[in-house]
C-alpha cells in the first residue's frame, strides 16, 4: 500500500507529525511499537502549555484521536526493515510491506541500564525503569533511585506517594533538576534522602533484589538494604533503522538533522528524542515541535518528489536527484 508519508514512532513527536500531516491532507500512516512512547509512563504532566495537568497516556491518546479525525492511519507494530530506491521507501512491519515517498523517524530512545552483571535477571524482580508502571508495587516499602537529573527527581516525587522511604543515589556532586521539582523533593523531608558522589557497584540477590553495594560508605556501610531499585539515568536513541538507510548520526549517536528536521537522505526526516537538538532537555513540547516541523518539511518535499513514487500504486524506478 502506498502512502505519501510514513511516520515511525507513536510518541509525542510522531503523533504531532501525524496531526500536521493530516492537516496537509497527506495520506499518512503512523507505525508504532509502543503507543505513546515514554510519555505514557510519565504520570501527571503539568508543564505542557495550555493544559494545567493531564496524565501522559491521556495526552497521547488525545493526539492520536486528533490525528485519526484527520484520516491518519495507525498501526501498532514494530518496523523490522526499511529499503530505499531513490525517493521511494519500502517499510516492513508485522510481515507486511508499506510504501511511501517520505518517512519520519520519531523513534525515541531506550532507557539506559546500569550495566551490572545480574541486572537483566533482576529486572522486574526488584529492579525497575518506570516509576509510573511499578511504583505502586512498593507501597509502604523502602526503595532507591539511581539518577540525579530532572527525570529522576520527578520519579522520586511520584514514588514518594507510595513508599515509606526513598534514597536518591547520585554519581555527581549535585542534583540537577527543575527548581519546582527540586523544591517538591525537599518538602518530603526525611522521607527522601540524597546520597551524593556514589554509584551502585553491585546488585545483591538471586531471585529478588535484596540490597545494593555502593561505591563508597553510607552511614558506615557500603551496603544499602532496600526493597526495590528504580533506574533513571537517561536514554539511548533508537537509531538502528536510520543507520540502515545511511542516515548520518552526530558525535553522540543521535540522528543528525537540520533546523527543518531534514536528514542527509532525501525524503527522510527525524524528530523527537532520537534527535539531539536540545541536548539533555527532552520534553513533550520539544518533541511535538520537532514533529510539526518534520511533517511540514515532508509535505514540502512531497509536493516536489511525491509523484516519483506513484506509478500504478507502486514505487517508480526513476530516482530523484539529491
Protein backbone atom coordinates (compact mmCIF):
# COMPACT_ATOMS: atom_id res chain seq x y z
CA UNK A 1 0.00 0.00 0.00
CA UNK A 2 1.38 3.39 -0.99
CA UNK A 3 1.43 6.41 1.34
CA UNK A 4 2.66 9.96 0.99
CA UNK A 5 4.31 9.70 4.39
CA UNK A 6 5.05 7.00 6.94
CA UNK A 7 5.85 8.09 10.48
CA UNK A 8 7.80 5.57 12.54
CA UNK A 9 7.03 6.07 16.21
CA UNK A 10 3.83 6.98 18.03
CA UNK A 11 5.07 9.19 20.84
CA UNK A 12 4.73 12.96 21.14
CA UNK A 13 6.92 13.62 18.08
CA UNK A 14 5.26 11.03 15.86
CA UNK A 15 1.70 11.97 16.79
CA UNK A 16 2.40 15.68 16.42
CA UNK A 17 3.81 14.95 12.96
CA UNK A 18 0.65 12.95 12.24
CA UNK A 19 -1.60 15.88 13.14
CA UNK A 20 0.28 18.19 10.78
CA UNK A 21 0.46 15.59 8.01
CA UNK A 22 -3.30 15.15 8.31
CA UNK A 23 -3.88 18.88 8.11
CA UNK A 24 -1.73 18.96 4.97
CA UNK A 25 -4.07 16.28 3.56
CA UNK A 26 -1.22 13.83 3.16
CA UNK A 27 -2.02 10.14 3.09
CA UNK A 28 -0.11 9.23 6.22
CA UNK A 29 0.48 6.14 8.32
CA UNK A 30 1.89 6.01 11.84
CA UNK A 31 3.63 2.77 12.80
CA UNK A 32 4.47 2.45 16.48
CA UNK A 33 5.72 -0.48 18.52
CA UNK A 34 4.70 1.09 21.84
CA UNK A 35 1.89 3.62 21.72
CA UNK A 36 2.75 6.97 23.27
CA UNK A 37 6.38 6.12 23.96
CA UNK A 38 7.82 7.21 27.28
CA UNK A 39 5.08 9.81 27.77
CA UNK A 40 2.50 7.14 28.60
CA UNK A 41 4.66 6.22 31.62
CA UNK A 42 5.20 9.77 32.83
CA UNK A 43 2.21 10.02 35.14
CA UNK A 44 0.86 13.53 35.63
CA UNK A 45 2.18 16.13 33.17
CA UNK A 46 1.90 19.70 34.39
CA UNK A 47 4.21 21.61 32.02
CA UNK A 48 2.51 21.12 28.65
CA UNK A 49 1.30 24.57 27.52
CA UNK A 50 -2.45 25.06 27.65
CA UNK A 51 -3.03 22.00 29.84
CA UNK A 52 -2.83 22.55 33.58
CA UNK A 53 -2.49 18.86 34.42
CA UNK A 54 -3.01 15.69 32.40
CA UNK A 55 -1.98 12.04 32.57
CA UNK A 56 0.69 11.17 29.99
CA UNK A 57 -1.34 8.37 28.44
CA UNK A 58 -4.36 10.64 28.15
CA UNK A 59 -2.30 13.33 26.41
CA UNK A 60 -1.02 10.84 23.85
CA UNK A 61 -4.50 9.44 23.31
CA UNK A 62 -5.83 12.93 22.60
CA UNK A 63 -3.11 13.41 19.97
CA UNK A 64 -3.99 10.05 18.46
CA UNK A 65 -7.69 10.89 18.27
CA UNK A 66 -6.88 14.25 16.72
CA UNK A 67 -4.74 12.51 14.07
CA UNK A 68 -7.39 9.91 13.29
CA UNK A 69 -10.02 12.62 12.77
CA UNK A 70 -7.70 13.95 10.06
CA UNK A 71 -7.72 10.49 8.41
CA UNK A 72 -4.22 9.49 9.51
CA UNK A 73 -3.96 5.70 9.83
CA UNK A 74 -2.45 3.97 12.86
CA UNK A 75 -0.66 0.64 13.06
CA UNK A 76 0.56 -0.98 16.30
CA UNK A 77 3.59 -2.90 15.06
CA UNK A 78 7.37 -2.91 15.01
CA UNK A 79 9.20 -1.87 11.86
CA UNK A 80 11.73 -4.58 11.10
CA UNK A 81 13.35 -3.26 7.93
CA UNK A 82 13.43 -0.33 5.53
CA UNK A 83 14.79 -0.28 2.00
CA UNK A 84 15.16 2.66 -0.35
CA UNK A 85 15.09 3.10 -4.11
CA UNK A 86 15.69 6.74 -4.83
CA UNK A 87 12.81 8.64 -3.29
CA UNK A 88 10.73 5.53 -2.62
CA UNK A 89 10.81 3.61 0.65
CA UNK A 90 9.58 0.12 1.50
CA UNK A 91 8.85 -0.42 5.19
CA UNK A 92 8.25 -3.91 6.57
CA UNK A 93 6.13 -4.17 9.73
CA UNK A 94 4.18 -7.13 11.02
CA UNK A 95 5.35 -9.11 7.96
CA UNK A 96 3.63 -6.66 5.60
CA UNK A 97 5.21 -4.11 3.31
CA UNK A 98 4.15 -0.47 3.24
CA UNK A 99 5.50 2.04 0.72
CA UNK A 100 5.94 5.79 0.92
CA UNK A 101 7.69 8.68 -0.77
CA UNK A 102 8.80 10.06 2.60
CA UNK A 103 9.42 8.86 6.15
CA UNK A 104 9.85 10.47 9.54
CA UNK A 105 11.89 8.77 12.24
CA UNK A 106 10.19 9.62 15.54
CA UNK A 107 11.61 6.56 17.23
CA UNK A 108 12.56 7.98 20.62
CA UNK A 109 15.13 6.39 22.90
CA UNK A 110 15.53 3.37 25.17
CA UNK A 111 16.16 3.67 28.90
CA UNK A 112 19.78 3.30 29.92
CA UNK A 113 20.74 0.37 32.13
CA UNK A 114 23.37 0.24 34.85
CA UNK A 115 25.27 -2.49 33.03
CA UNK A 116 25.72 -4.65 36.13
CA UNK A 117 26.13 -8.46 35.85
CA UNK A 118 22.74 -9.64 37.13
CA UNK A 119 20.71 -6.56 36.21
CA UNK A 120 18.80 -8.36 33.46
CA UNK A 121 17.88 -11.28 35.72
CA UNK A 122 16.63 -8.94 38.46
CA UNK A 123 14.64 -6.70 36.14
CA UNK A 124 11.06 -6.98 37.28
CA UNK A 125 12.26 -8.66 40.47
CA UNK A 126 13.34 -5.58 42.36
CA UNK A 127 14.95 -3.60 39.54
CA UNK A 128 12.71 -1.28 37.51
CA UNK A 129 12.85 1.58 34.99
CA UNK A 130 9.35 3.07 35.25
CA UNK A 131 8.01 4.53 38.48
CA UNK A 132 4.60 5.14 36.94
CA UNK A 133 4.36 1.47 35.99
CA UNK A 134 5.86 -0.20 39.05
CA UNK A 135 5.99 2.36 41.86
CA UNK A 136 2.70 1.20 43.45
CA UNK A 137 4.26 -2.25 43.98
CA UNK A 138 6.36 -0.73 46.77
CA UNK A 139 3.63 0.90 48.82
CA UNK A 140 4.89 1.28 52.39
CA UNK A 141 8.36 -0.04 51.50
CA UNK A 142 11.88 1.34 51.09
CA UNK A 143 13.34 1.92 47.63
CA UNK A 144 16.24 3.66 45.94
CA UNK A 145 16.53 5.54 42.68
CA UNK A 146 19.69 5.99 40.62
CA UNK A 147 19.81 9.29 38.78
CA UNK A 148 20.46 12.91 39.55
CA UNK A 149 18.72 14.70 36.69
CA UNK A 150 15.25 16.15 36.46
CA UNK A 151 13.65 12.89 35.34
CA UNK A 152 14.92 11.07 38.44
CA UNK A 153 13.68 13.80 40.76
CA UNK A 154 10.25 13.72 39.12
CA UNK A 155 10.27 9.94 39.51
CA UNK A 156 11.24 10.28 43.16
CA UNK A 157 8.40 12.71 43.82
CA UNK A 158 5.94 10.31 42.25
CA UNK A 159 7.30 7.28 44.12
CA UNK A 160 7.07 9.21 47.39
CA UNK A 161 3.29 8.98 47.11
CA UNK A 162 3.58 5.23 47.69
CA UNK A 163 6.76 4.38 49.56
CA UNK A 164 7.84 4.74 53.16
CA UNK A 165 11.38 5.83 52.31
CA UNK A 166 13.33 6.62 49.15
CA UNK A 167 17.04 7.16 48.53
CA UNK A 168 18.32 9.10 45.52
CA UNK A 169 21.78 7.82 44.54
CA UNK A 170 23.65 10.47 42.56
CA UNK A 171 27.03 9.96 40.88
CA UNK A 172 27.80 13.69 40.77
CA UNK A 173 28.30 16.28 43.48
CA UNK A 174 24.90 17.90 42.96
CA UNK A 175 21.36 17.16 41.81
CA UNK A 176 20.33 18.82 38.55
CA UNK A 177 16.58 19.34 38.32
CA UNK A 178 13.95 21.96 37.58
CA UNK A 179 13.61 24.20 40.67
CA UNK A 180 9.92 23.35 41.15
CA UNK A 181 10.66 19.61 41.13
CA UNK A 182 13.67 20.03 43.41
CA UNK A 183 11.60 22.07 45.86
CA UNK A 184 8.93 19.36 45.87
CA UNK A 185 11.59 16.81 46.77
CA UNK A 186 12.89 18.98 49.59
CA UNK A 187 9.40 19.24 51.07
CA UNK A 188 9.40 15.47 51.53
CA UNK A 189 11.84 15.91 54.40
CA UNK A 190 13.37 12.72 55.84
CA UNK A 191 11.24 10.56 53.56
CA UNK A 192 13.66 11.33 50.70
CA UNK A 193 17.38 11.13 51.25
CA UNK A 194 20.04 12.07 48.69
CA UNK A 195 23.34 10.17 48.57
CA UNK A 196 25.84 12.18 46.50
CA UNK A 197 29.06 11.15 44.72
CA UNK A 198 28.06 7.49 44.88
CA UNK A 199 27.44 4.71 42.36
CA UNK A 200 25.79 1.31 42.58
CA UNK A 201 28.55 -1.25 42.12
CA UNK A 202 26.60 -4.47 42.69
CA UNK A 203 23.04 -5.76 42.85
CA UNK A 204 22.73 -8.43 45.52
CA UNK A 205 20.03 -11.07 45.27
CA UNK A 206 19.41 -14.30 43.43
CA UNK A 207 15.69 -14.40 42.62
CA UNK A 208 14.90 -10.97 44.05
CA UNK A 209 16.87 -7.82 44.79
CA UNK A 210 17.90 -7.75 48.44
CA UNK A 211 20.45 -4.95 48.72
CA UNK A 212 22.92 -2.71 46.88
CA UNK A 213 26.68 -2.47 47.16
CA UNK A 214 27.73 1.17 46.92
CA UNK A 215 30.99 2.66 45.67
CA UNK A 216 31.55 4.46 48.98
CA UNK A 217 30.26 4.02 52.53
CA UNK A 218 26.91 5.46 53.52
CA UNK A 219 26.45 5.81 57.28
CA UNK A 220 29.36 3.45 57.85
CA UNK A 221 28.42 0.73 55.37
CA UNK A 222 28.84 0.06 51.65
CA UNK A 223 25.61 -1.95 51.65
CA UNK A 224 22.14 -0.46 51.38
CA UNK A 225 19.21 -2.76 52.12
CA UNK A 226 16.15 -1.86 50.05
CA UNK A 227 13.03 -3.48 48.64
CA UNK A 228 13.33 -2.08 45.13
CA UNK A 229 15.55 -0.05 42.81
CA UNK A 230 14.46 2.33 40.05
CA UNK A 231 16.95 3.43 37.39
CA UNK A 232 16.55 6.84 35.75
CA UNK A 233 19.86 7.70 34.07
CA UNK A 234 18.84 8.85 30.63
CA UNK A 235 18.29 7.03 27.39
CA UNK A 236 19.97 5.72 24.22
CA UNK A 237 18.44 6.83 20.90
CA UNK A 238 16.88 4.13 18.71
CA UNK A 239 18.86 4.70 15.54
CA UNK A 240 19.49 1.25 14.04
CA UNK A 241 16.80 1.58 11.35
CA UNK A 242 18.01 5.06 10.44
CA UNK A 243 21.59 3.81 10.23
CA UNK A 244 20.49 1.03 7.88
CA UNK A 245 19.42 3.73 5.40
CA UNK A 246 22.68 5.62 5.71
CA UNK A 247 21.30 8.42 7.87
CA UNK A 248 24.12 10.37 9.49
CA UNK A 249 24.49 10.46 13.26
CA UNK A 250 26.10 13.15 15.38
CA UNK A 251 29.05 12.65 17.70
CA UNK A 252 26.74 11.42 20.48
CA UNK A 253 24.96 8.86 18.32
CA UNK A 254 21.76 10.81 17.71
CA UNK A 255 20.18 11.32 14.28
CA UNK A 256 21.68 14.37 12.64
CA UNK A 257 19.01 16.75 11.31
CA UNK A 258 18.96 20.40 10.25
CA UNK A 259 16.62 23.04 11.64
CA UNK A 260 13.83 21.79 9.36
CA UNK A 261 14.36 18.22 10.62
CA UNK A 262 15.83 17.04 7.30
CA UNK A 263 18.47 14.31 7.38
CA UNK A 264 21.20 13.73 4.83
CA UNK A 265 18.92 11.30 2.94
CA UNK A 266 16.42 12.89 0.59
CA UNK A 267 12.89 12.14 1.78
CA UNK A 268 13.96 11.14 5.29
CA UNK A 269 13.19 13.35 8.28
CA UNK A 270 13.58 12.92 12.04
CA UNK A 271 12.01 14.29 15.21
CA UNK A 272 11.84 13.73 18.94
CA UNK A 273 14.26 12.18 21.42
CA UNK A 274 16.28 10.42 18.70
CA UNK A 275 17.42 13.91 17.58
CA UNK A 276 19.72 15.86 19.85
CA UNK A 277 18.57 19.39 19.04
CA UNK A 278 18.07 20.39 22.67
CA UNK A 279 20.78 18.33 24.34
CA UNK A 280 19.61 16.65 27.53
CA UNK A 281 16.47 18.81 27.64
CA UNK A 282 13.94 16.35 26.23
CA UNK A 283 10.30 17.23 26.79
CA UNK A 284 6.95 16.51 25.15
CA UNK A 285 6.75 20.12 24.00
CA UNK A 286 10.12 19.96 22.22
CA UNK A 287 9.31 16.57 20.69
CA UNK A 288 5.94 17.83 19.47
CA UNK A 289 7.56 20.93 17.97
CA UNK A 290 10.07 18.84 16.06
CA UNK A 291 7.28 16.56 14.82
CA UNK A 292 5.35 19.53 13.46
CA UNK A 293 8.42 20.85 11.65
CA UNK A 294 9.32 17.41 10.26
CA UNK A 295 5.81 16.95 8.84
CA UNK A 296 5.94 20.40 7.24
CA UNK A 297 9.27 19.58 5.58
CA UNK A 298 7.91 16.21 4.44
CA UNK A 299 4.88 17.95 2.91
CA UNK A 300 7.03 20.46 1.03
CA UNK A 301 9.27 17.65 -0.17
CA UNK A 302 6.30 15.55 -1.27
CA UNK A 303 5.00 18.36 -3.46
CA UNK A 304 8.22 18.10 -5.45
CA UNK A 305 9.07 14.41 -5.36
CA UNK A 306 5.90 12.57 -4.41
CA UNK A 307 4.90 11.66 -7.95
CA UNK A 308 8.16 9.76 -8.42
CA UNK A 309 6.84 7.07 -6.12
CA UNK A 310 3.37 6.76 -7.67
CA UNK A 311 3.42 4.67 -10.83
CA UNK A 312 0.32 2.45 -10.76
CA UNK A 313 0.45 2.43 -6.97
CA UNK A 314 3.99 1.02 -6.86
CA UNK A 315 7.39 2.63 -6.35
CA UNK A 316 8.74 4.21 -9.51
CA UNK A 317 12.03 3.11 -10.98
CA UNK A 318 13.07 6.70 -11.59
CA UNK A 319 15.45 8.00 -8.96
CA UNK A 320 15.29 11.64 -7.96
CA UNK A 321 18.37 13.80 -7.86
CA UNK A 322 19.85 14.51 -4.45
